[in-house]
Amino acid sequence: MTAQPIEQPPGPDTGSYEVIHLGGQAAVVVPLADFMRLRALERLATAQELEDAEDTAALQEWQAREAAGHTSYVPTDEVRRRLGLTR
């Protein structure tokens, strides 16, 4: 019997940071200096830059879920029915 590496599902790009899982949530372990730098950048960013960063992060999260096969689609007619928008 030979050992084979376990293929990890695609996930968000975390660079060289370690990902840990706590209570069903994923977290990234970063050096304190990196955390402090990110906090400083956050304080200096404009409201528009923060909103753009949140949008980019949400898109990256969705792309990772899509790549891992964790997304689903509902046909338009079904959405309208569920929302009570059918006539």
Protein backbone atom coordinates (compact mmCIF):
# COMPACT_ATOMS: atom_id res chain seq x y z
CA MET A 1 0.00 0.00 0.00
CA THR A 2 1.36 3.42 -0.87
CA ALA A 3 0.41 6.72 0.67
CA GLN A 4 -1.28 9.16 -1.65
CA PRO A 5 -1.72 12.86 -0.92
CA ILE A 6 -5.29 13.87 -0.22
CA GLU A 7 -6.49 16.31 -2.84
CA GLN A 8 -7.74 19.44 -1.15
CA PRO A 9 -10.84 21.12 -2.57
CA PRO A 10 -10.20 24.53 -4.13
CA GLY A 11 -10.54 27.36 -1.69
CA PRO A 12 -9.77 31.02 -1.35
CA ASP A 13 -6.23 32.13 -2.11
CA THR A 14 -4.63 32.41 1.32
CA GLY A 15 -1.06 32.65 0.07
CA SER A 16 1.33 31.01 2.51
CA TYR A 17 -0.94 31.51 5.53
CA GLU A 18 -2.23 28.51 7.45
CA VAL A 19 -6.00 27.92 7.40
CA ILE A 20 -7.62 26.52 10.53
CA HIS A 21 -11.24 25.50 11.13
CA LEU A 22 -13.05 26.54 14.29
CA GLY A 23 -16.70 25.76 14.93
CA GLY A 24 -17.60 25.39 11.27
CA GLN A 25 -15.79 28.58 10.30
CA ALA A 26 -12.43 28.87 8.55
CA ALA A 27 -9.79 31.25 9.88
CA VAL A 28 -6.36 32.25 8.64
CA VAL A 29 -3.38 32.42 10.97
CA VAL A 30 -1.29 35.47 10.10
CA PRO A 31 1.79 36.95 11.72
CA LEU A 32 0.97 39.84 14.05
CA ALA A 33 2.96 42.28 11.88
CA ASP A 34 0.78 41.42 8.85
CA PHE A 35 -2.37 41.85 10.91
CA MET A 36 -1.23 45.25 12.19
CA ARG A 37 -0.37 46.36 8.63
CA LEU A 38 -3.80 45.31 7.36
CA ARG A 39 -5.50 47.16 10.23
CA ALA A 40 -3.48 50.31 9.43
CA LEU A 41 -4.47 50.05 5.75
CA GLU A 42 -8.11 49.61 6.77
CA ARG A 43 -8.00 52.77 8.90
CA LEU A 44 -6.48 54.77 6.02
CA ALA A 45 -8.87 53.50 3.34
CA THR A 46 -11.80 55.57 2.13
CA ALA A 47 -15.35 54.31 2.49
CA GLN A 48 -15.39 53.54 -1.25
CA GLU A 49 -12.13 51.57 -1.04
CA LEU A 50 -13.49 49.53 1.88
CA GLU A 51 -16.70 48.81 -0.04
CA ASP A 52 -14.71 47.80 -3.12
CA ALA A 53 -12.55 45.47 -0.98
CA GLU A 54 -15.66 43.87 0.55
CA ASP A 55 -17.13 43.35 -2.94
CA THR A 56 -13.88 41.78 -4.16
CA ALA A 57 -13.72 39.49 -1.11
CA ALA A 58 -17.34 38.40 -1.62
CA LEU A 59 -16.63 37.61 -5.28
CA GLN A 60 -13.54 35.60 -4.36
CA GLU A 61 -15.51 33.67 -1.75
CA TRP A 62 -18.23 32.84 -4.29
CA GLN A 63 -15.63 31.78 -6.87
CA ALA A 64 -14.03 29.43 -4.32
CA ARG A 65 -17.44 27.91 -3.48
CA GLU A 66 -18.23 27.57 -7.19
CA ALA A 67 -14.88 25.85 -7.87
CA ALA A 68 -15.53 23.45 -4.96
CA GLY A 69 -19.00 22.64 -6.31
CA HIS A 70 -20.80 24.18 -3.33
CA THR A 71 -23.12 26.49 -5.25
CA SER A 72 -26.56 25.82 -6.64
CA TYR A 73 -28.93 27.58 -8.96
CA VAL A 74 -32.67 28.08 -8.90
CA PRO A 75 -34.53 28.72 -12.17
CA THR A 76 -36.13 32.17 -12.51
CA ASP A 77 -39.66 30.76 -12.53
CA GLU A 78 -39.00 28.95 -9.25
CA VAL A 79 -37.57 32.12 -7.67
CA ARG A 80 -40.65 34.07 -8.68
CA ARG A 81 -42.90 31.35 -7.28
CA ARG A 82 -41.03 31.28 -3.97
CA LEU A 83 -41.19 35.06 -3.68
CA GLY A 84 -44.86 35.15 -4.60
CA LEU A 85 -44.20 37.14 -7.77
CA THR A 86 -46.17 34.89 -10.12
CA ARG A 87 -49.55 35.93 -11.43
